[in-house]
PDB file of N, CA and C in Angstrom:
ATOM      1  N   MET A   1      21.963  -8.247  10.884  1.00  0.00           N
ATOM      2  CA  MET A   1      21.418  -7.226  10.001  1.00  0.00           C
ATOM      3  C   MET A   1      20.266  -7.790   9.164  1.00  0.00           C
ATOM      4  N   ILE A   2      20.447  -9.004   8.667  1.00  0.00           N
ATOM      5  CA  ILE A   2      19.414  -9.621   7.842  1.00  0.00           C
ATOM      6  C   ILE A   2      18.152  -9.868   8.655  1.00  0.00           C
ATOM      7  N   GLU A   3      18.324 -10.278   9.926  1.00  0.00           N
ATOM      8  CA  GLU A   3      17.168 -10.552  10.765  1.00  0.00           C
ATOM      9  C   GLU A   3      16.334  -9.290  11.001  1.00  0.00           C
ATOM     10  N   ILE A   4      17.017  -8.161  11.211  1.00  0.00           N
ATOM     11  CA  ILE A   4      16.318  -6.894  11.428  1.00  0.00           C
ATOM     12  C   ILE A   4      15.530  -6.503  10.182  1.00  0.00           C
ATOM     13  N   LEU A   5      16.132  -6.672   9.011  1.00  0.00           N
ATOM     14  CA  LEU A   5      15.444  -6.339   7.764  1.00  0.00           C
ATOM     15  C   LEU A   5      14.250  -7.262   7.524  1.00  0.00           C
ATOM     16  N   GLN A   6      14.392  -8.529   7.866  1.00  0.00           N
ATOM     17  CA  GLN A   6      13.291  -9.468   7.673  1.00  0.00           C
ATOM     18  C   GLN A   6      12.115  -9.151   8.596  1.00  0.00           C
ATOM     19  N   VAL A   7      12.422  -8.855   9.843  1.00  0.00           N
ATOM     20  CA  VAL A   7      11.356  -8.511  10.798  1.00  0.00           C
ATOM     21  C   VAL A   7      10.673  -7.213  10.385  1.00  0.00           C
ATOM     22  N   SER A   8      11.452  -6.225   9.971  1.00  0.00           N
ATOM     23  CA  SER A   8      10.857  -4.961   9.548  1.00  0.00           C
ATOM     24  C   SER A   8      10.037  -5.135   8.266  1.00  0.00           C
ATOM     25  N   GLU A   9      10.449  -6.045   7.393  1.00  0.00           N
ATOM     26  CA  GLU A   9       9.686  -6.332   6.174  1.00  0.00           C
ATOM     27  C   GLU A   9       8.294  -6.874   6.518  1.00  0.00           C
ATOM     28  N   VAL A  10       8.245  -7.805   7.455  1.00  0.00           N
ATOM     29  CA  VAL A  10       6.965  -8.377   7.865  1.00  0.00           C
ATOM     30  C   VAL A  10       6.111  -7.314   8.550  1.00  0.00           C
ATOM     31  N   PHE A  11       6.705  -6.528   9.430  1.00  0.00           N
ATOM     32  CA  PHE A  11       5.971  -5.499  10.161  1.00  0.00           C
ATOM     33  C   PHE A  11       5.412  -4.442   9.213  1.00  0.00           C
ATOM     34  N   ILE A  12       6.219  -3.959   8.269  1.00  0.00           N
ATOM     35  CA  ILE A  12       5.758  -2.956   7.312  1.00  0.00           C
ATOM     36  C   ILE A  12       4.677  -3.548   6.415  1.00  0.00           C
ATOM     37  N   GLY A  13       4.838  -4.815   6.030  1.00  0.00           N
ATOM     38  CA  GLY A  13       3.834  -5.464   5.199  1.00  0.00           C
ATOM     39  C   GLY A  13       2.486  -5.571   5.890  1.00  0.00           C
ATOM     40  N   ILE A  14       2.488  -5.926   7.169  1.00  0.00           N
ATOM     41  CA  ILE A  14       1.240  -6.022   7.931  1.00  0.00           C
ATOM     42  C   ILE A  14       0.601  -4.646   8.081  1.00  0.00           C
ATOM     43  N   LEU A  15       1.408  -3.624   8.375  1.00  0.00           N
ATOM     44  CA  LEU A  15       0.872  -2.264   8.480  1.00  0.00           C
ATOM     45  C   LEU A  15       0.290  -1.792   7.153  1.00  0.00           C
ATOM     46  N   LEU A  16       0.961  -2.102   6.052  1.00  0.00           N
ATOM     47  CA  LEU A  16       0.488  -1.694   4.739  1.00  0.00           C
ATOM     48  C   LEU A  16      -0.844  -2.359   4.402  1.00  0.00           C
ATOM     49  N   ILE A  17      -0.964  -3.638   4.694  1.00  0.00           N
ATOM     50  CA  ILE A  17      -2.222  -4.347   4.459  1.00  0.00           C
ATOM     51  C   ILE A  17      -3.335  -3.738   5.303  1.00  0.00           C
ATOM     52  N   ALA A  18      -3.046  -3.443   6.574  1.00  0.00           N
ATOM     53  CA  ALA A  18      -4.062  -2.873   7.460  1.00  0.00           C
ATOM     54  C   ALA A  18      -4.526  -1.503   6.976  1.00  0.00           C
ATOM     55  N   VAL A  19      -3.588  -0.655   6.563  1.00  0.00           N
ATOM     56  CA  VAL A  19      -3.942   0.692   6.107  1.00  0.00           C
ATOM     57  C   VAL A  19      -4.773   0.619   4.827  1.00  0.00           C
ATOM     58  N   ILE A  20      -4.443  -0.293   3.933  1.00  0.00           N
ATOM     59  CA  ILE A  20      -5.210  -0.435   2.690  1.00  0.00           C
ATOM     60  C   ILE A  20      -6.625  -0.932   2.989  1.00  0.00           C
ATOM     61  N   LEU A  21      -6.759  -1.875   3.899  1.00  0.00           N
ATOM     62  CA  LEU A  21      -8.081  -2.420   4.210  1.00  0.00           C
ATOM     63  C   LEU A  21      -8.971  -1.424   4.947  1.00  0.00           C
ATOM     64  N   ILE A  22      -8.377  -0.489   5.687  1.00  0.00           N
ATOM     65  CA  ILE A  22      -9.154   0.495   6.437  1.00  0.00           C
ATOM     66  C   ILE A  22      -9.742   1.565   5.519  1.00  0.00           C
ATOM     67  N   GLN A  23      -9.116   1.809   4.373  1.00  0.00           N
ATOM     68  CA  GLN A  23      -9.539   2.905   3.510  1.00  0.00           C
ATOM     69  C   GLN A  23     -10.962   2.729   3.011  1.00  0.00           C
ATOM     70  N   ASN A  24     -11.582   3.848   2.698  1.00  0.00           N
ATOM     71  CA  ASN A  24     -12.967   3.887   2.244  1.00  0.00           C
ATOM     72  C   ASN A  24     -13.079   3.300   0.834  1.00  0.00           C
ATOM     73  N   LYS A  25     -14.023   2.402   0.664  1.00  0.00           N
ATOM     74  CA  LYS A  25     -14.205   1.775  -0.627  1.00  0.00           C
ATOM     75  C   LYS A  25     -15.478   2.237  -1.317  1.00  0.00           C
ATOM     76  N   SER A  26     -16.107   3.280  -0.843  1.00  0.00           N
ATOM     77  CA  SER A  26     -17.359   3.742  -1.426  1.00  0.00           C
ATOM     78  C   SER A  26     -17.115   4.774  -2.523  1.00  0.00           C
ATOM     79  N   VAL A  27     -16.205   4.490  -3.414  1.00  0.00           N
ATOM     80  CA  VAL A  27     -15.922   5.377  -4.527  1.00  0.00           C
ATOM     81  C   VAL A  27     -16.881   5.000  -5.654  1.00  0.00           C
ATOM     82  N   ALA A  28     -17.686   5.947  -6.075  1.00  0.00           N
ATOM     83  CA  ALA A  28     -18.682   5.674  -7.102  1.00  0.00           C
ATOM     84  C   ALA A  28     -18.428   6.541  -8.325  1.00  0.00           C
ATOM     85  N   LEU A  29     -18.740   6.001  -9.469  1.00  0.00           N
ATOM     86  CA  LEU A  29     -18.628   6.746 -10.712  1.00  0.00           C
ATOM     87  C   LEU A  29     -19.923   7.507 -10.932  1.00  0.00           C
ATOM     88  N   ASN A  30     -19.813   8.812 -11.072  1.00  0.00           N
ATOM     89  CA  ASN A  30     -21.002   9.637 -11.244  1.00  0.00           C
ATOM     90  C   ASN A  30     -21.305   9.755 -12.730  1.00  0.00           C
ATOM     91  N   LEU A  31     -22.325   9.039 -13.181  1.00  0.00           N
ATOM     92  CA  LEU A  31     -22.702   9.067 -14.587  1.00  0.00           C
ATOM     93  C   LEU A  31     -23.808  10.065 -14.875  1.00  0.00           C
ATOM     94  N   THR A  32     -24.324  10.742 -13.851  1.00  0.00           N
ATOM     95  CA  THR A  32     -25.403  11.696 -14.065  1.00  0.00           C
ATOM     96  C   THR A  32     -24.903  12.965 -14.728  1.00  0.00           C
ATOM     97  N   SER A  33     -23.663  13.295 -14.526  1.00  0.00           N
ATOM     98  CA  SER A  33     -23.099  14.503 -15.107  1.00  0.00           C
ATOM     99  C   SER A  33     -22.386  14.140 -16.395  1.00  0.00           C
ATOM    100  N   MET A  34     -22.996  14.437 -17.521  1.00  0.00           N
ATOM    101  CA  MET A  34     -22.384  14.151 -18.820  1.00  0.00           C
ATOM    102  C   MET A  34     -21.827  15.427 -19.437  1.00  0.00           C
ATOM    103  N   SER A  35     -21.236  16.260 -18.629  1.00  0.00           N
ATOM    104  CA  SER A  35     -20.745  17.549 -19.112  1.00  0.00           C
ATOM    105  C   SER A  35     -19.331  17.455 -19.678  1.00  0.00           C
ATOM    106  N   GLY A  36     -18.827  16.263 -19.866  1.00  0.00           N
ATOM    107  CA  GLY A  36     -17.521  16.129 -20.489  1.00  0.00           C
ATOM    108  C   GLY A  36     -16.408  15.787 -19.530  1.00  0.00           C
ATOM    109  N   GLY A  37     -16.614  15.887 -18.251  1.00  0.00           N
ATOM    110  CA  GLY A  37     -15.551  15.578 -17.303  1.00  0.00           C
ATOM    111  C   GLY A  37     -16.107  15.174 -15.960  1.00  0.00           C
ATOM    112  N   MET A  38     -15.279  14.561 -15.198  1.00  0.00           N
ATOM    113  CA  MET A  38     -15.703  14.158 -13.860  1.00  0.00           C
ATOM    114  C   MET A  38     -15.286  15.241 -12.882  1.00  0.00           C
ATOM    115  N   ASN A  39     -16.082  15.427 -11.861  1.00  0.00           N
ATOM    116  CA  ASN A  39     -15.742  16.407 -10.840  1.00  0.00           C
ATOM    117  C   ASN A  39     -14.547  15.912 -10.041  1.00  0.00           C
ATOM    118  N   GLU A  40     -13.660  16.818  -9.761  1.00  0.00           N
ATOM    119  CA  GLU A  40     -12.475  16.474  -8.982  1.00  0.00           C
ATOM    120  C   GLU A  40     -12.826  16.504  -7.503  1.00  0.00           C
ATOM    121  N   THR A  41     -12.490  15.429  -6.813  1.00  0.00           N
ATOM    122  CA  THR A  41     -12.738  15.390  -5.378  1.00  0.00           C
ATOM    123  C   THR A  41     -11.417  15.445  -4.639  1.00  0.00           C
ATOM    124  N   THR A  42     -11.442  16.057  -3.481  1.00  0.00           N
ATOM    125  CA  THR A  42     -10.235  16.151  -2.674  1.00  0.00           C
ATOM    126  C   THR A  42     -10.392  15.294  -1.432  1.00  0.00           C
ATOM    127  N   LYS A  43      -9.284  14.757  -0.982  1.00  0.00           N
ATOM    128  CA  LYS A  43      -9.287  13.949   0.225  1.00  0.00           C
ATOM    129  C   LYS A  43      -9.135  14.885   1.422  1.00  0.00           C
ATOM    130  N   ARG A  44      -9.894  14.594   2.469  1.00  0.00           N
ATOM    131  CA  ARG A  44      -9.848  15.433   3.663  1.00  0.00           C
ATOM    132  C   ARG A  44      -9.778  14.567   4.897  1.00  0.00           C
ATOM    133  N   GLY A  45      -9.181  15.089   5.927  1.00  0.00           N
ATOM    134  CA  GLY A  45      -9.175  14.447   7.240  1.00  0.00           C
ATOM    135  C   GLY A  45      -8.482  13.099   7.257  1.00  0.00           C
ATOM    136  N   ALA A  46      -9.187  12.120   7.829  1.00  0.00           N
ATOM    137  CA  ALA A  46      -8.605  10.788   8.008  1.00  0.00           C
ATOM    138  C   ALA A  46      -8.331  10.108   6.679  1.00  0.00           C
ATOM    139  N   GLU A  47      -9.145  10.395   5.666  1.00  0.00           N
ATOM    140  CA  GLU A  47      -8.930   9.805   4.352  1.00  0.00           C
ATOM    141  C   GLU A  47      -7.580  10.239   3.765  1.00  0.00           C
ATOM    142  N   LYS A  48      -7.229  11.497   3.962  1.00  0.00           N
ATOM    143  CA  LYS A  48      -5.956  12.008   3.468  1.00  0.00           C
ATOM    144  C   LYS A  48      -4.790  11.403   4.246  1.00  0.00           C
ATOM    145  N   VAL A  49      -4.958  11.252   5.555  1.00  0.00           N
ATOM    146  CA  VAL A  49      -3.907  10.649   6.379  1.00  0.00           C
ATOM    147  C   VAL A  49      -3.662   9.206   5.954  1.00  0.00           C
ATOM    148  N   LEU A  50      -4.745   8.440   5.731  1.00  0.00           N
ATOM    149  CA  LEU A  50      -4.592   7.056   5.298  1.00  0.00           C
ATOM    150  C   LEU A  50      -3.965   6.969   3.917  1.00  0.00           C
ATOM    151  N   HIS A  51      -4.326   7.882   3.024  1.00  0.00           N
ATOM    152  CA  HIS A  51      -3.739   7.903   1.686  1.00  0.00           C
ATOM    153  C   HIS A  51      -2.236   8.162   1.752  1.00  0.00           C
ATOM    154  N   ASN A  52      -1.845   9.159   2.542  1.00  0.00           N
ATOM    155  CA  ASN A  52      -0.428   9.474   2.683  1.00  0.00           C
ATOM    156  C   ASN A  52       0.336   8.352   3.390  1.00  0.00           C
ATOM    157  N   ALA A  53      -0.306   7.716   4.378  1.00  0.00           N
ATOM    158  CA  ALA A  53       0.327   6.593   5.076  1.00  0.00           C
ATOM    159  C   ALA A  53       0.548   5.424   4.123  1.00  0.00           C
ATOM    160  N   THR A  54      -0.379   5.205   3.200  1.00  0.00           N
ATOM    161  CA  THR A  54      -0.221   4.138   2.214  1.00  0.00           C
ATOM    162  C   THR A  54       0.979   4.409   1.316  1.00  0.00           C
ATOM    163  N   ILE A  55       1.145   5.640   0.898  1.00  0.00           N
ATOM    164  CA  ILE A  55       2.272   5.997   0.038  1.00  0.00           C
ATOM    165  C   ILE A  55       3.592   5.817   0.784  1.00  0.00           C
ATOM    166  N   VAL A  56       3.653   6.295   2.018  1.00  0.00           N
ATOM    167  CA  VAL A  56       4.889   6.192   2.808  1.00  0.00           C
ATOM    168  C   VAL A  56       5.227   4.730   3.102  1.00  0.00           C
ATOM    169  N   LEU A  57       4.238   3.950   3.512  1.00  0.00           N
ATOM    170  CA  LEU A  57       4.495   2.542   3.824  1.00  0.00           C
ATOM    171  C   LEU A  57       4.893   1.762   2.574  1.00  0.00           C
ATOM    172  N   SER A  58       4.314   2.101   1.439  1.00  0.00           N
ATOM    173  CA  SER A  58       4.696   1.432   0.191  1.00  0.00           C
ATOM    174  C   SER A  58       6.145   1.725  -0.161  1.00  0.00           C
ATOM    175  N   ALA A  59       6.543   2.981  -0.014  1.00  0.00           N
ATOM    176  CA  ALA A  59       7.931   3.343  -0.301  1.00  0.00           C
ATOM    177  C   ALA A  59       8.886   2.647   0.668  1.00  0.00           C
ATOM    178  N   LEU A  60       8.535   2.621   1.956  1.00  0.00           N
ATOM    179  CA  LEU A  60       9.373   1.926   2.935  1.00  0.00           C
ATOM    180  C   LEU A  60       9.475   0.437   2.625  1.00  0.00           C
ATOM    181  N   PHE A  61       8.370  -0.165   2.208  1.00  0.00           N
ATOM    182  CA  PHE A  61       8.366  -1.585   1.868  1.00  0.00           C
ATOM    183  C   PHE A  61       9.287  -1.869   0.682  1.00  0.00           C
ATOM    184  N   ILE A  62       9.239  -1.011  -0.328  1.00  0.00           N
ATOM    185  CA  ILE A  62      10.100  -1.193  -1.508  1.00  0.00           C
ATOM    186  C   ILE A  62      11.566  -1.012  -1.137  1.00  0.00           C
ATOM    187  N   PHE A  63      11.891   0.027  -0.390  1.00  0.00           N
ATOM    188  CA  PHE A  63      13.284   0.265  -0.003  1.00  0.00           C
ATOM    189  C   PHE A  63      13.807  -0.842   0.898  1.00  0.00           C
ATOM    190  N   ASN A  64      12.975  -1.326   1.799  1.00  0.00           N
ATOM    191  CA  ASN A  64      13.381  -2.415   2.677  1.00  0.00           C
ATOM    192  C   ASN A  64      13.601  -3.696   1.877  1.00  0.00           C
ATOM    193  N   SER A  65      12.754  -3.936   0.882  1.00  0.00           N
ATOM    194  CA  SER A  65      12.918  -5.116   0.028  1.00  0.00           C
ATOM    195  C   SER A  65      14.224  -5.038  -0.752  1.00  0.00           C
ATOM    196  N   LEU A  66      14.525  -3.868  -1.275  1.00  0.00           N
ATOM    197  CA  LEU A  66      15.787  -3.695  -2.011  1.00  0.00           C
ATOM    198  C   LEU A  66      16.985  -3.859  -1.098  1.00  0.00           C
ATOM    199  N   ALA A  67      16.912  -3.330   0.110  1.00  0.00           N
ATOM    200  CA  ALA A  67      18.014  -3.486   1.060  1.00  0.00           C
ATOM    201  C   ALA A  67      18.198  -4.948   1.447  1.00  0.00           C
ATOM    202  N   LEU A  68      17.107  -5.644   1.644  1.00  0.00           N
ATOM    203  CA  LEU A  68      17.169  -7.065   1.981  1.00  0.00           C
ATOM    204  C   LEU A  68      17.764  -7.863   0.823  1.00  0.00           C
ATOM    205  N   PHE A  69      17.415  -7.498  -0.399  1.00  0.00           N
ATOM    206  CA  PHE A  69      17.970  -8.167  -1.570  1.00  0.00           C
ATOM    207  C   PHE A  69      19.467  -7.919  -1.694  1.00  0.00           C
ATOM    208  N   LEU A  70      19.906  -6.692  -1.455  1.00  0.00           N
ATOM    209  CA  LEU A  70      21.312  -6.353  -1.609  1.00  0.00           C
ATOM    210  C   LEU A  70      22.181  -6.933  -0.508  1.00  0.00           C
ATOM    211  N   VAL A  71      21.637  -7.041   0.706  1.00  0.00           N
ATOM    212  CA  VAL A  71      22.416  -7.559   1.832  1.00  0.00           C
ATOM    213  C   VAL A  71      22.582  -9.068   1.750  1.00  0.00           C
ATOM    214  N   SER A  72      21.532  -9.762   1.327  1.00  0.00           N
ATOM    215  CA  SER A  72      21.616 -11.225   1.315  1.00  0.00           C
ATOM    216  C   SER A  72      22.290 -11.773   0.080  1.00  0.00           C
TER     217      SER A  72
END
């Protein structure tokens, strides 16, 4: 049981790193609009899929870490 959790921990960790590195890093602060607030942007297409995959993989990584801690 411990071996399965350890292997899955490494696999989820590698997937999480890959998904984070693939995401778009061209987020810029728009200082031209001084109207009191920033415009809200929505994620679409592949950006939304990668964002949701990051959340799911992070949750799986945390739960797997807790299970590994409790079993060992």
